[in-house]
PDB file of N, CA and C in Angstrom:
ATOM      1  N   MET A   1     -14.350   8.231  22.369  1.00  0.00           N
ATOM      2  CA  MET A   1     -15.435   8.963  21.799  1.00  0.00           C
ATOM      3  C   MET A   1     -16.600   8.006  21.639  1.00  0.00           C
ATOM      4  N   THR A   2     -17.762   8.400  22.103  1.00  0.00           N
ATOM      5  CA  THR A   2     -18.947   7.554  21.996  1.00  0.00           C
ATOM      6  C   THR A   2     -20.050   8.289  21.252  1.00  0.00           C
ATOM      7  N   ASN A   3     -20.559   7.646  20.215  1.00  0.00           N
ATOM      8  CA  ASN A   3     -21.710   8.150  19.475  1.00  0.00           C
ATOM      9  C   ASN A   3     -22.894   7.283  19.892  1.00  0.00           C
ATOM     10  N   ARG A   4     -23.764   7.805  20.751  1.00  0.00           N
ATOM     11  CA  ARG A   4     -24.819   7.000  21.365  1.00  0.00           C
ATOM     12  C   ARG A   4     -25.993   6.689  20.446  1.00  0.00           C
ATOM     13  N   ALA A   5     -26.280   7.463  19.463  1.00  0.00           N
ATOM     14  CA  ALA A   5     -27.376   7.149  18.538  1.00  0.00           C
ATOM     15  C   ALA A   5     -27.546   8.212  17.481  1.00  0.00           C
ATOM     16  N   GLY A   6     -26.750   9.249  17.516  1.00  0.00           N
ATOM     17  CA  GLY A   6     -26.896  10.326  16.555  1.00  0.00           C
ATOM     18  C   GLY A   6     -26.031  10.122  15.336  1.00  0.00           C
ATOM     19  N   THR A   7     -25.789  11.223  14.636  1.00  0.00           N
ATOM     20  CA  THR A   7     -24.944  11.200  13.447  1.00  0.00           C
ATOM     21  C   THR A   7     -23.806  12.189  13.635  1.00  0.00           C
ATOM     22  N   ILE A   8     -22.591  11.718  13.396  1.00  0.00           N
ATOM     23  CA  ILE A   8     -21.409  12.576  13.373  1.00  0.00           C
ATOM     24  C   ILE A   8     -21.010  12.672  11.911  1.00  0.00           C
ATOM     25  N   LYS A   9     -20.884  13.900  11.419  1.00  0.00           N
ATOM     26  CA  LYS A   9     -20.560  14.070  10.002  1.00  0.00           C
ATOM     27  C   LYS A   9     -19.558  15.202   9.846  1.00  0.00           C
ATOM     28  N   SER A  10     -18.463  14.896   9.160  1.00  0.00           N
ATOM     29  CA  SER A  10     -17.477  15.912   8.801  1.00  0.00           C
ATOM     30  C   SER A  10     -16.613  15.344   7.685  1.00  0.00           C
ATOM     31  N   ARG A  11     -15.659  16.116   7.223  1.00  0.00           N
ATOM     32  CA  ARG A  11     -14.795  15.633   6.136  1.00  0.00           C
ATOM     33  C   ARG A  11     -14.158  14.310   6.529  1.00  0.00           C
ATOM     34  N   THR A  12     -13.525  14.250   7.697  1.00  0.00           N
ATOM     35  CA  THR A  12     -13.072  12.989   8.295  1.00  0.00           C
ATOM     36  C   THR A  12     -13.884  12.875   9.571  1.00  0.00           C
ATOM     37  N   GLY A  13     -14.785  11.905   9.611  1.00  0.00           N
ATOM     38  CA  GLY A  13     -15.759  11.807  10.698  1.00  0.00           C
ATOM     39  C   GLY A  13     -15.182  11.958  12.091  1.00  0.00           C
ATOM     40  N   VAL A  14     -14.257  11.072  12.486  1.00  0.00           N
ATOM     41  CA  VAL A  14     -13.624  11.114  13.805  1.00  0.00           C
ATOM     42  C   VAL A  14     -12.133  10.884  13.619  1.00  0.00           C
ATOM     43  N   VAL A  15     -11.317  11.766  14.195  1.00  0.00           N
ATOM     44  CA  VAL A  15      -9.863  11.610  14.179  1.00  0.00           C
ATOM     45  C   VAL A  15      -9.381  11.609  15.614  1.00  0.00           C
ATOM     46  N   ILE A  16      -8.590  10.596  15.988  1.00  0.00           N
ATOM     47  CA  ILE A  16      -7.987  10.547  17.323  1.00  0.00           C
ATOM     48  C   ILE A  16      -6.484  10.446  17.125  1.00  0.00           C
ATOM     49  N   ASN A  17      -5.744  11.422  17.669  1.00  0.00           N
ATOM     50  CA  ASN A  17      -4.310  11.518  17.446  1.00  0.00           C
ATOM     51  C   ASN A  17      -3.471  10.903  18.557  1.00  0.00           C
ATOM     52  N   LYS A  18      -4.032  10.034  19.343  1.00  0.00           N
ATOM     53  CA  LYS A  18      -3.319   9.290  20.384  1.00  0.00           C
ATOM     54  C   LYS A  18      -4.077   7.986  20.564  1.00  0.00           C
ATOM     55  N   ALA A  19      -3.789   7.223  21.612  1.00  0.00           N
ATOM     56  CA  ALA A  19      -4.537   5.989  21.857  1.00  0.00           C
ATOM     57  C   ALA A  19      -6.011   6.338  22.014  1.00  0.00           C
ATOM     58  N   GLY A  20      -6.884   5.541  21.395  1.00  0.00           N
ATOM     59  CA  GLY A  20      -8.283   5.905  21.477  1.00  0.00           C
ATOM     60  C   GLY A  20      -9.235   4.773  21.208  1.00  0.00           C
ATOM     61  N   THR A  21     -10.461   5.000  21.655  1.00  0.00           N
ATOM     62  CA  THR A  21     -11.571   4.087  21.417  1.00  0.00           C
ATOM     63  C   THR A  21     -12.717   4.879  20.824  1.00  0.00           C
ATOM     64  N   VAL A  22     -13.290   4.348  19.768  1.00  0.00           N
ATOM     65  CA  VAL A  22     -14.489   4.927  19.166  1.00  0.00           C
ATOM     66  C   VAL A  22     -15.595   3.895  19.316  1.00  0.00           C
ATOM     67  N   THR A  23     -16.688   4.278  19.966  1.00  0.00           N
ATOM     68  CA  THR A  23     -17.857   3.420  20.119  1.00  0.00           C
ATOM     69  C   THR A  23     -18.988   4.032  19.321  1.00  0.00           C
ATOM     70  N   ASN A  24     -19.525   3.252  18.378  1.00  0.00           N
ATOM     71  CA  ASN A  24     -20.565   3.780  17.492  1.00  0.00           C
ATOM     72  C   ASN A  24     -21.844   2.962  17.620  1.00  0.00           C
ATOM     73  N   ILE A  25     -22.907   3.643  18.016  1.00  0.00           N
ATOM     74  CA  ILE A  25     -24.234   3.040  18.072  1.00  0.00           C
ATOM     75  C   ILE A  25     -25.121   3.697  17.019  1.00  0.00           C
ATOM     76  N   GLY A  26     -24.665   4.793  16.448  1.00  0.00           N
ATOM     77  CA  GLY A  26     -25.424   5.531  15.443  1.00  0.00           C
ATOM     78  C   GLY A  26     -24.739   5.513  14.099  1.00  0.00           C
ATOM     79  N   SER A  27     -24.425   6.711  13.564  1.00  0.00           N
ATOM     80  CA  SER A  27     -23.778   6.838  12.257  1.00  0.00           C
ATOM     81  C   SER A  27     -22.589   7.784  12.357  1.00  0.00           C
ATOM     82  N   ILE A  28     -21.498   7.393  11.720  1.00  0.00           N
ATOM     83  CA  ILE A  28     -20.334   8.266  11.580  1.00  0.00           C
ATOM     84  C   ILE A  28     -20.050   8.369  10.094  1.00  0.00           C
ATOM     85  N   VAL A  29     -20.095   9.597   9.591  1.00  0.00           N
ATOM     86  CA  VAL A  29     -19.977   9.851   8.158  1.00  0.00           C
ATOM     87  C   VAL A  29     -18.727  10.671   7.891  1.00  0.00           C
ATOM     88  N   GLY A  30     -17.864  10.159   7.039  1.00  0.00           N
ATOM     89  CA  GLY A  30     -16.703  10.908   6.583  1.00  0.00           C
ATOM     90  C   GLY A  30     -16.928  11.325   5.144  1.00  0.00           C
ATOM     91  N   SER A  31     -17.351  12.562   4.929  1.00  0.00           N
ATOM     92  CA  SER A  31     -17.681  13.007   3.571  1.00  0.00           C
ATOM     93  C   SER A  31     -16.459  13.021   2.661  1.00  0.00           C
ATOM     94  N   GLY A  32     -15.250  13.020   3.230  1.00  0.00           N
ATOM     95  CA  GLY A  32     -14.027  12.977   2.440  1.00  0.00           C
ATOM     96  C   GLY A  32     -13.524  11.569   2.185  1.00  0.00           C
ATOM     97  N   GLY A  33     -14.270  10.560   2.645  1.00  0.00           N
ATOM     98  CA  GLY A  33     -13.899   9.181   2.377  1.00  0.00           C
ATOM     99  C   GLY A  33     -13.417   8.398   3.584  1.00  0.00           C
ATOM    100  N   THR A  34     -13.169   9.074   4.721  1.00  0.00           N
ATOM    101  CA  THR A  34     -12.718   8.381   5.922  1.00  0.00           C
ATOM    102  C   THR A  34     -13.658   8.710   7.078  1.00  0.00           C
ATOM    103  N   ALA A  35     -14.269   7.675   7.652  1.00  0.00           N
ATOM    104  CA  ALA A  35     -15.187   7.864   8.778  1.00  0.00           C
ATOM    105  C   ALA A  35     -14.443   7.919  10.104  1.00  0.00           C
ATOM    106  N   VAL A  36     -13.416   7.055  10.277  1.00  0.00           N
ATOM    107  CA  VAL A  36     -12.641   7.016  11.519  1.00  0.00           C
ATOM    108  C   VAL A  36     -11.173   6.883  11.155  1.00  0.00           C
ATOM    109  N   LEU A  37     -10.328   7.707  11.770  1.00  0.00           N
ATOM    110  CA  LEU A  37      -8.884   7.648  11.564  1.00  0.00           C
ATOM    111  C   LEU A  37      -8.213   7.648  12.928  1.00  0.00           C
ATOM    112  N   LEU A  38      -7.581   6.518  13.275  1.00  0.00           N
ATOM    113  CA  LEU A  38      -6.878   6.381  14.546  1.00  0.00           C
ATOM    114  C   LEU A  38      -5.372   6.386  14.300  1.00  0.00           C
ATOM    115  N   SER A  39      -4.608   6.778  15.305  1.00  0.00           N
ATOM    116  CA  SER A  39      -3.163   6.947  15.151  1.00  0.00           C
ATOM    117  C   SER A  39      -2.398   5.638  15.206  1.00  0.00           C
ATOM    118  N   GLN A  40      -1.299   5.607  14.468  1.00  0.00           N
ATOM    119  CA  GLN A  40      -0.407   4.452  14.439  1.00  0.00           C
ATOM    120  C   GLN A  40       0.408   4.401  15.723  1.00  0.00           C
ATOM    121  N   GLY A  41       0.692   3.174  16.170  1.00  0.00           N
ATOM    122  CA  GLY A  41       1.556   2.986  17.328  1.00  0.00           C
ATOM    123  C   GLY A  41       0.831   2.915  18.654  1.00  0.00           C
ATOM    124  N   PHE A  42      -0.488   2.908  18.637  1.00  0.00           N
ATOM    125  CA  PHE A  42      -1.282   2.856  19.862  1.00  0.00           C
ATOM    126  C   PHE A  42      -2.244   1.672  19.820  1.00  0.00           C
ATOM    127  N   GLN A  43      -2.649   1.207  20.996  1.00  0.00           N
ATOM    128  CA  GLN A  43      -3.652   0.145  21.108  1.00  0.00           C
ATOM    129  C   GLN A  43      -5.019   0.815  20.941  1.00  0.00           C
ATOM    130  N   ASN A  44      -5.528   0.851  19.725  1.00  0.00           N
ATOM    131  CA  ASN A  44      -6.795   1.504  19.416  1.00  0.00           C
ATOM    132  C   ASN A  44      -7.922   0.491  19.375  1.00  0.00           C
ATOM    133  N   ARG A  45      -9.149   0.984  19.499  1.00  0.00           N
ATOM    134  CA  ARG A  45     -10.305   0.094  19.457  1.00  0.00           C
ATOM    135  C   ARG A  45     -11.474   0.817  18.806  1.00  0.00           C
ATOM    136  N   VAL A  46     -12.190   0.087  17.945  1.00  0.00           N
ATOM    137  CA  VAL A  46     -13.460   0.560  17.388  1.00  0.00           C
ATOM    138  C   VAL A  46     -14.512  -0.467  17.786  1.00  0.00           C
ATOM    139  N   ALA A  47     -15.524  -0.022  18.514  1.00  0.00           N
ATOM    140  CA  ALA A  47     -16.626  -0.884  18.936  1.00  0.00           C
ATOM    141  C   ALA A  47     -17.877  -0.429  18.210  1.00  0.00           C
ATOM    142  N   MET A  48     -18.603  -1.404  17.676  1.00  0.00           N
ATOM    143  CA  MET A  48     -19.813  -1.050  16.926  1.00  0.00           C
ATOM    144  C   MET A  48     -20.957  -1.972  17.310  1.00  0.00           C
ATOM    145  N   SER A  49     -22.149  -1.387  17.392  1.00  0.00           N
ATOM    146  CA  SER A  49     -23.334  -2.183  17.699  1.00  0.00           C
ATOM    147  C   SER A  49     -23.957  -2.656  16.389  1.00  0.00           C
ATOM    148  N   PRO A  50     -24.776  -3.715  16.450  1.00  0.00           N
ATOM    149  CA  PRO A  50     -25.510  -4.100  15.244  1.00  0.00           C
ATOM    150  C   PRO A  50     -26.349  -2.906  14.776  1.00  0.00           C
ATOM    151  N   GLY A  51     -26.304  -2.591  13.521  1.00  0.00           N
ATOM    152  CA  GLY A  51     -27.049  -1.456  12.984  1.00  0.00           C
ATOM    153  C   GLY A  51     -26.248  -0.175  12.917  1.00  0.00           C
ATOM    154  N   ALA A  52     -25.063  -0.137  13.538  1.00  0.00           N
ATOM    155  CA  ALA A  52     -24.217   1.056  13.451  1.00  0.00           C
ATOM    156  C   ALA A  52     -23.760   1.229  12.015  1.00  0.00           C
ATOM    157  N   VAL A  53     -23.588   2.483  11.602  1.00  0.00           N
ATOM    158  CA  VAL A  53     -23.217   2.777  10.216  1.00  0.00           C
ATOM    159  C   VAL A  53     -21.939   3.606  10.200  1.00  0.00           C
ATOM    160  N   PHE A  54     -20.995   3.180   9.374  1.00  0.00           N
ATOM    161  CA  PHE A  54     -19.806   3.972   9.069  1.00  0.00           C
ATOM    162  C   PHE A  54     -19.856   4.250   7.577  1.00  0.00           C
ATOM    163  N   THR A  55     -19.873   5.530   7.195  1.00  0.00           N
ATOM    164  CA  THR A  55     -19.815   5.898   5.786  1.00  0.00           C
ATOM    165  C   THR A  55     -18.416   6.400   5.523  1.00  0.00           C
ATOM    166  N   GLY A  56     -17.628   5.572   4.863  1.00  0.00           N
ATOM    167  CA  GLY A  56     -16.223   5.865   4.632  1.00  0.00           C
ATOM    168  C   GLY A  56     -15.357   4.814   5.287  1.00  0.00           C
ATOM    169  N   LYS A  57     -14.066   4.951   5.101  1.00  0.00           N
ATOM    170  CA  LYS A  57     -13.092   3.995   5.611  1.00  0.00           C
ATOM    171  C   LYS A  57     -12.968   4.129   7.128  1.00  0.00           C
ATOM    172  N   VAL A  58     -12.764   3.003   7.808  1.00  0.00           N
ATOM    173  CA  VAL A  58     -12.495   2.967   9.250  1.00  0.00           C
ATOM    174  C   VAL A  58     -11.073   2.444   9.386  1.00  0.00           C
ATOM    175  N   ASP A  59     -10.143   3.330   9.771  1.00  0.00           N
ATOM    176  CA  ASP A  59      -8.713   3.018   9.779  1.00  0.00           C
ATOM    177  C   ASP A  59      -8.221   2.890  11.215  1.00  0.00           C
ATOM    178  N   GLY A  60      -7.859   1.650  11.598  1.00  0.00           N
ATOM    179  CA  GLY A  60      -7.359   1.387  12.950  1.00  0.00           C
ATOM    180  C   GLY A  60      -5.981   1.951  13.221  1.00  0.00           C
ATOM    181  N   GLY A  61      -5.274   2.376  12.180  1.00  0.00           N
ATOM    182  CA  GLY A  61      -4.003   3.062  12.360  1.00  0.00           C
ATOM    183  C   GLY A  61      -2.775   2.183  12.355  1.00  0.00           C
ATOM    184  N   ASN A  62      -2.918   0.892  12.636  1.00  0.00           N
ATOM    185  CA  ASN A  62      -1.743   0.042  12.795  1.00  0.00           C
ATOM    186  C   ASN A  62      -1.605  -0.948  11.651  1.00  0.00           C
ATOM    187  N   THR A  63      -0.616  -0.700  10.800  1.00  0.00           N
ATOM    188  CA  THR A  63      -0.303  -1.656   9.747  1.00  0.00           C
ATOM    189  C   THR A  63       0.469  -2.805  10.370  1.00  0.00           C
ATOM    190  N   SER A  64       0.714  -3.842   9.631  1.00  0.00           N
ATOM    191  CA  SER A  64       1.467  -4.975  10.170  1.00  0.00           C
ATOM    192  C   SER A  64       2.895  -4.569  10.523  1.00  0.00           C
ATOM    193  N   ALA A  65       3.370  -3.453   9.991  1.00  0.00           N
ATOM    194  CA  ALA A  65       4.718  -2.976  10.293  1.00  0.00           C
ATOM    195  C   ALA A  65       4.744  -2.001  11.465  1.00  0.00           C
ATOM    196  N   ALA A  66       3.612  -1.864  12.160  1.00  0.00           N
ATOM    197  CA  ALA A  66       3.508  -0.868  13.225  1.00  0.00           C
ATOM    198  C   ALA A  66       4.077  -1.344  14.555  1.00  0.00           C
ATOM    199  N   GLY A  67       4.752  -2.476  14.581  1.00  0.00           N
ATOM    200  CA  GLY A  67       5.327  -2.969  15.825  1.00  0.00           C
ATOM    201  C   GLY A  67       4.331  -3.796  16.606  1.00  0.00           C
ATOM    202  N   THR A  68       4.309  -3.596  17.916  1.00  0.00           N
ATOM    203  CA  THR A  68       3.449  -4.419  18.773  1.00  0.00           C
ATOM    204  C   THR A  68       2.068  -3.836  18.987  1.00  0.00           C
ATOM    205  N   ALA A  69       1.827  -2.627  18.540  1.00  0.00           N
ATOM    206  CA  ALA A  69       0.511  -2.017  18.725  1.00  0.00           C
ATOM    207  C   ALA A  69      -0.502  -2.718  17.829  1.00  0.00           C
ATOM    208  N   ILE A  70      -1.649  -3.052  18.414  1.00  0.00           N
ATOM    209  CA  ILE A  70      -2.706  -3.756  17.691  1.00  0.00           C
ATOM    210  C   ILE A  70      -4.015  -3.006  17.883  1.00  0.00           C
ATOM    211  N   SER A  71      -4.706  -2.750  16.799  1.00  0.00           N
ATOM    212  CA  SER A  71      -6.038  -2.154  16.880  1.00  0.00           C
ATOM    213  C   SER A  71      -7.078  -3.261  16.806  1.00  0.00           C
ATOM    214  N   THR A  72      -8.136  -3.130  17.601  1.00  0.00           N
ATOM    215  CA  THR A  72      -9.166  -4.158  17.718  1.00  0.00           C
ATOM    216  C   THR A  72     -10.481  -3.630  17.177  1.00  0.00           C
ATOM    217  N   LEU A  73     -11.157  -4.467  16.406  1.00  0.00           N
ATOM    218  CA  LEU A  73     -12.512  -4.183  15.945  1.00  0.00           C
ATOM    219  C   LEU A  73     -13.441  -5.029  16.794  1.00  0.00           C
ATOM    220  N   GLU A  74     -14.292  -4.378  17.575  1.00  0.00           N
ATOM    221  CA  GLU A  74     -15.159  -5.067  18.536  1.00  0.00           C
ATOM    222  C   GLU A  74     -16.615  -4.990  18.106  1.00  0.00           C
ATOM    223  N   LEU A  75     -17.280  -6.134  18.115  1.00  0.00           N
ATOM    224  CA  LEU A  75     -18.697  -6.192  17.787  1.00  0.00           C
ATOM    225  C   LEU A  75     -19.485  -6.271  19.090  1.00  0.00           C
ATOM    226  N   MET A  76     -20.346  -5.289  19.321  1.00  0.00           N
ATOM    227  CA  MET A  76     -21.104  -5.215  20.561  1.00  0.00           C
ATOM    228  C   MET A  76     -22.385  -6.038  20.458  1.00  0.00           C
ATOM    229  N   THR A  77     -22.960  -6.350  21.617  1.00  0.00           N
ATOM    230  CA  THR A  77     -24.226  -7.069  21.632  1.00  0.00           C
ATOM    231  C   THR A  77     -25.360  -6.135  21.237  1.00  0.00           C
ATOM    232  N   GLY A  78     -26.451  -6.739  20.815  1.00  0.00           N
ATOM    233  CA  GLY A  78     -27.618  -5.962  20.448  1.00  0.00           C
ATOM    234  C   GLY A  78     -28.824  -6.866  20.337  1.00  0.00           C
ATOM    235  N   THR A  79     -29.968  -6.268  20.116  1.00  0.00           N
ATOM    236  CA  THR A  79     -31.201  -7.044  20.017  1.00  0.00           C
ATOM    237  C   THR A  79     -31.520  -7.457  18.592  1.00  0.00           C
ATOM    238  N   SER A  80     -30.740  -6.949  17.632  1.00  0.00           N
ATOM    239  CA  SER A  80     -30.982  -7.302  16.235  1.00  0.00           C
ATOM    240  C   SER A  80     -29.688  -7.783  15.604  1.00  0.00           C
ATOM    241  N   ALA A  81     -29.806  -8.385  14.444  1.00  0.00           N
ATOM    242  CA  ALA A  81     -28.631  -8.869  13.720  1.00  0.00           C
ATOM    243  C   ALA A  81     -27.945  -7.726  13.000  1.00  0.00           C
ATOM    244  N   GLY A  82     -26.656  -7.871  12.783  1.00  0.00           N
ATOM    245  CA  GLY A  82     -25.895  -6.910  12.006  1.00  0.00           C
ATOM    246  C   GLY A  82     -25.051  -7.652  10.996  1.00  0.00           C
ATOM    247  N   THR A  83     -24.601  -6.962   9.986  1.00  0.00           N
ATOM    248  CA  THR A  83     -23.734  -7.559   8.980  1.00  0.00           C
ATOM    249  C   THR A  83     -22.440  -6.776   8.929  1.00  0.00           C
ATOM    250  N   LEU A  84     -21.342  -7.489   8.955  1.00  0.00           N
ATOM    251  CA  LEU A  84     -20.033  -6.863   8.858  1.00  0.00           C
ATOM    252  C   LEU A  84     -19.385  -7.323   7.560  1.00  0.00           C
ATOM    253  N   SER A  85     -19.167  -6.391   6.674  1.00  0.00           N
ATOM    254  CA  SER A  85     -18.456  -6.683   5.431  1.00  0.00           C
ATOM    255  C   SER A  85     -17.486  -5.539   5.183  1.00  0.00           C
ATOM    256  N   GLY A  86     -16.550  -5.746   4.313  1.00  0.00           N
ATOM    257  CA  GLY A  86     -15.589  -4.697   4.006  1.00  0.00           C
ATOM    258  C   GLY A  86     -14.290  -4.811   4.783  1.00  0.00           C
ATOM    259  N   ILE A  87     -14.033  -5.976   5.411  1.00  0.00           N
ATOM    260  CA  ILE A  87     -12.762  -6.168   6.099  1.00  0.00           C
ATOM    261  C   ILE A  87     -11.655  -6.120   5.049  1.00  0.00           C
ATOM    262  N   GLY A  88     -10.695  -5.242   5.241  1.00  0.00           N
ATOM    263  CA  GLY A  88      -9.599  -5.108   4.282  1.00  0.00           C
ATOM    264  C   GLY A  88      -9.843  -4.053   3.226  1.00  0.00           C
ATOM    265  N   SER A  89     -11.082  -3.612   3.081  1.00  0.00           N
ATOM    266  CA  SER A  89     -11.357  -2.538   2.129  1.00  0.00           C
ATOM    267  C   SER A  89     -11.945  -1.323   2.851  1.00  0.00           C
ATOM    268  N   GLN A  90     -13.005  -1.505   3.612  1.00  0.00           N
ATOM    269  CA  GLN A  90     -13.566  -0.404   4.398  1.00  0.00           C
ATOM    270  C   GLN A  90     -12.952  -0.369   5.796  1.00  0.00           C
ATOM    271  N   TYR A  91     -12.774  -1.516   6.407  1.00  0.00           N
ATOM    272  CA  TYR A  91     -12.168  -1.619   7.738  1.00  0.00           C
ATOM    273  C   TYR A  91     -10.728  -2.060   7.550  1.00  0.00           C
ATOM    274  N   VAL A  92      -9.779  -1.142   7.774  1.00  0.00           N
ATOM    275  CA  VAL A  92      -8.377  -1.426   7.494  1.00  0.00           C
ATOM    276  C   VAL A  92      -7.504  -1.176   8.719  1.00  0.00           C
ATOM    277  N   HIS A  93      -6.352  -1.827   8.700  1.00  0.00           N
ATOM    278  CA  HIS A  93      -5.327  -1.674   9.734  1.00  0.00           C
ATOM    279  C   HIS A  93      -5.809  -2.111  11.111  1.00  0.00           C
ATOM    280  N   PHE A  94      -6.586  -3.170  11.098  1.00  0.00           N
ATOM    281  CA  PHE A  94      -6.976  -3.865  12.315  1.00  0.00           C
ATOM    282  C   PHE A  94      -6.351  -5.247  12.251  1.00  0.00           C
ATOM    283  N   ARG A  95      -6.003  -5.784  13.391  1.00  0.00           N
ATOM    284  CA  ARG A  95      -5.540  -7.164  13.412  1.00  0.00           C
ATOM    285  C   ARG A  95      -6.775  -8.051  13.378  1.00  0.00           C
ATOM    286  N   ILE A  96      -6.882  -8.858  12.369  1.00  0.00           N
ATOM    287  CA  ILE A  96      -8.047  -9.716  12.198  1.00  0.00           C
ATOM    288  C   ILE A  96      -7.610 -11.165  12.376  1.00  0.00           C
ATOM    289  N   SER A  97      -8.109 -11.785  13.423  1.00  0.00           N
ATOM    290  CA  SER A  97      -7.806 -13.192  13.634  1.00  0.00           C
ATOM    291  C   SER A  97      -9.098 -13.960  13.872  1.00  0.00           C
ATOM    292  N   TRP A  98     -10.170 -13.289  13.717  1.00  0.00           N
ATOM    293  CA  TRP A  98     -11.510 -13.813  13.985  1.00  0.00           C
ATOM    294  C   TRP A  98     -11.661 -14.267  15.420  1.00  0.00           C
ATOM    295  N   SER A  99     -10.850 -13.659  16.258  1.00  0.00           N
ATOM    296  CA  SER A  99     -11.118 -13.746  17.679  1.00  0.00           C
ATOM    297  C   SER A  99     -11.633 -12.374  18.104  1.00  0.00           C
ATOM    298  N   ILE A 100     -12.438 -11.787  17.223  1.00  0.00           N
ATOM    299  CA  ILE A 100     -13.023 -10.483  17.511  1.00  0.00           C
ATOM    300  C   ILE A 100     -13.869 -10.612  18.765  1.00  0.00           C
ATOM    301  N   ARG A 101     -13.652  -9.704  19.701  1.00  0.00           N
ATOM    302  CA  ARG A 101     -14.383  -9.767  20.962  1.00  0.00           C
ATOM    303  C   ARG A 101     -15.844  -9.414  20.744  1.00  0.00           C
ATOM    304  N   VAL A 102     -16.713 -10.175  21.366  1.00  0.00           N
ATOM    305  CA  VAL A 102     -18.129  -9.853  21.397  1.00  0.00           C
ATOM    306  C   VAL A 102     -18.468  -9.616  22.854  1.00  0.00           C
ATOM    307  N   ARG A 103     -18.931  -8.421  23.173  1.00  0.00           N
ATOM    308  CA  ARG A 103     -19.245  -8.076  24.556  1.00  0.00           C
ATOM    309  C   ARG A 103     -20.373  -8.939  25.079  1.00  0.00           C
ATOM    310  N   HIS A 104     -20.230  -9.347  26.320  1.00  0.00           N
ATOM    311  CA  HIS A 104     -21.295 -10.086  26.980  1.00  0.00           C
ATOM    312  C   HIS A 104     -22.043  -9.112  27.885  1.00  0.00           C
ATOM    313  N   GLY A 105     -23.326  -9.237  27.950  1.00  0.00           N
ATOM    314  CA  GLY A 105     -24.134  -8.353  28.776  1.00  0.00           C
ATOM    315  C   GLY A 105     -25.530  -8.899  28.871  1.00  0.00           C
ATOM    316  N   PRO A 106     -26.463  -8.083  29.320  1.00  0.00           N
ATOM    317  CA  PRO A 106     -27.830  -8.559  29.483  1.00  0.00           C
ATOM    318  C   PRO A 106     -28.530  -8.845  28.154  1.00  0.00           C
ATOM    319  N   SER A 107     -28.030  -8.275  27.062  1.00  0.00           N
ATOM    320  CA  SER A 107     -28.643  -8.524  25.757  1.00  0.00           C
ATOM    321  C   SER A 107     -28.126  -9.836  25.195  1.00  0.00           C
ATOM    322  N   PRO A 108     -28.856 -10.440  24.263  1.00  0.00           N
ATOM    323  CA  PRO A 108     -28.340 -11.646  23.613  1.00  0.00           C
ATOM    324  C   PRO A 108     -27.047 -11.334  22.871  1.00  0.00           C
ATOM    325  N   PRO A 109     -26.198 -12.320  22.607  1.00  0.00           N
ATOM    326  CA  PRO A 109     -24.956 -12.058  21.870  1.00  0.00           C
ATOM    327  C   PRO A 109     -25.240 -11.429  20.507  1.00  0.00           C
ATOM    328  N   ALA A 110     -24.313 -10.611  20.063  1.00  0.00           N
ATOM    329  CA  ALA A 110     -24.458  -9.989  18.742  1.00  0.00           C
ATOM    330  C   ALA A 110     -24.495 -11.074  17.680  1.00  0.00           C
ATOM    331  N   ARG A 111     -25.316 -10.859  16.684  1.00  0.00           N
ATOM    332  CA  ARG A 111     -25.427 -11.811  15.588  1.00  0.00           C
ATOM    333  C   ARG A 111     -24.954 -11.117  14.319  1.00  0.00           C
ATOM    334  N   PHE A 112     -23.684 -11.279  14.016  1.00  0.00           N
ATOM    335  CA  PHE A 112     -23.114 -10.701  12.820  1.00  0.00           C
ATOM    336  C   PHE A 112     -22.852 -11.818  11.836  1.00  0.00           C
ATOM    337  N   SER A 113     -23.147 -11.585  10.574  1.00  0.00           N
ATOM    338  CA  SER A 113     -22.774 -12.566   9.563  1.00  0.00           C
ATOM    339  C   SER A 113     -21.431 -12.137   8.997  1.00  0.00           C
ATOM    340  N   ARG A 114     -20.496 -13.056   8.962  1.00  0.00           N
ATOM    341  CA  ARG A 114     -19.142 -12.749   8.534  1.00  0.00           C
ATOM    342  C   ARG A 114     -19.015 -12.969   7.031  1.00  0.00           C
ATOM    343  N   GLN A 115     -18.478 -11.987   6.356  1.00  0.00           N
ATOM    344  CA  GLN A 115     -18.210 -12.091   4.929  1.00  0.00           C
ATOM    345  C   GLN A 115     -16.776 -12.576   4.761  1.00  0.00           C
ATOM    346  N   PRO A 116     -16.458 -13.293   3.692  1.00  0.00           N
ATOM    347  CA  PRO A 116     -15.089 -13.785   3.493  1.00  0.00           C
ATOM    348  C   PRO A 116     -14.087 -12.643   3.401  1.00  0.00           C
ATOM    349  N   ILE A 117     -12.895 -12.869   3.932  1.00  0.00           N
ATOM    350  CA  ILE A 117     -11.815 -11.893   3.814  1.00  0.00           C
ATOM    351  C   ILE A 117     -11.159 -12.107   2.465  1.00  0.00           C
ATOM    352  N   ARG A 118     -11.073 -11.062   1.687  1.00  0.00           N
ATOM    353  CA  ARG A 118     -10.511 -11.199   0.345  1.00  0.00           C
ATOM    354  C   ARG A 118      -9.324 -10.266   0.127  1.00  0.00           C
ATOM    355  N   SER A 119      -8.883  -9.574   1.162  1.00  0.00           N
ATOM    356  CA  SER A 119      -7.809  -8.612   0.978  1.00  0.00           C
ATOM    357  C   SER A 119      -6.482  -9.189   1.451  1.00  0.00           C
ATOM    358  N   PRO A 120      -5.476  -9.261   0.585  1.00  0.00           N
ATOM    359  CA  PRO A 120      -4.177  -9.775   1.010  1.00  0.00           C
ATOM    360  C   PRO A 120      -3.427  -8.785   1.898  1.00  0.00           C
ATOM    361  N   THR A 121      -3.939  -7.544   2.054  1.00  0.00           N
ATOM    362  CA  THR A 121      -3.253  -6.560   2.874  1.00  0.00           C
ATOM    363  C   THR A 121      -3.717  -6.572   4.312  1.00  0.00           C
ATOM    364  N   THR A 122      -4.705  -7.371   4.659  1.00  0.00           N
ATOM    365  CA  THR A 122      -5.199  -7.418   6.025  1.00  0.00           C
ATOM    366  C   THR A 122      -4.198  -8.155   6.899  1.00  0.00           C
ATOM    367  N   ALA A 123      -3.760  -7.502   7.978  1.00  0.00           N
ATOM    368  CA  ALA A 123      -2.835  -8.154   8.913  1.00  0.00           C
ATOM    369  C   ALA A 123      -3.551  -9.273   9.638  1.00  0.00           C
ATOM    370  N   ARG A 124      -2.904 -10.382   9.823  1.00  0.00           N
ATOM    371  CA  ARG A 124      -3.517 -11.517  10.526  1.00  0.00           C
ATOM    372  C   ARG A 124      -2.763 -11.830  11.774  1.00  0.00           C
TER     373      ARG A 124
END
């Protein structure tokens, strides 16, 4: 599912019940508290550009007990800086090793400022 620049808004913004990728360049709003909900047991991916907005929790679906399936949080390139905070509280069930992929392309590399991880529940 790709949100190219608009706003997606519903009780749960985006739900994917199988392996899936969500690419957000605009805004995804979950009025019920969850912006993205991906299924457990699949190699899921959430890609976001600098300036993309998620209102609500972004759930990669895979807890550390989910076996070999790993969900990836990908930071895309852009022309402006972005800030990523909320790892472990807003962005959950992603494998975080700080080898987060940054797409290479004609734009300069994404410039995200990393906030400290403070959640003991984040899988590493």
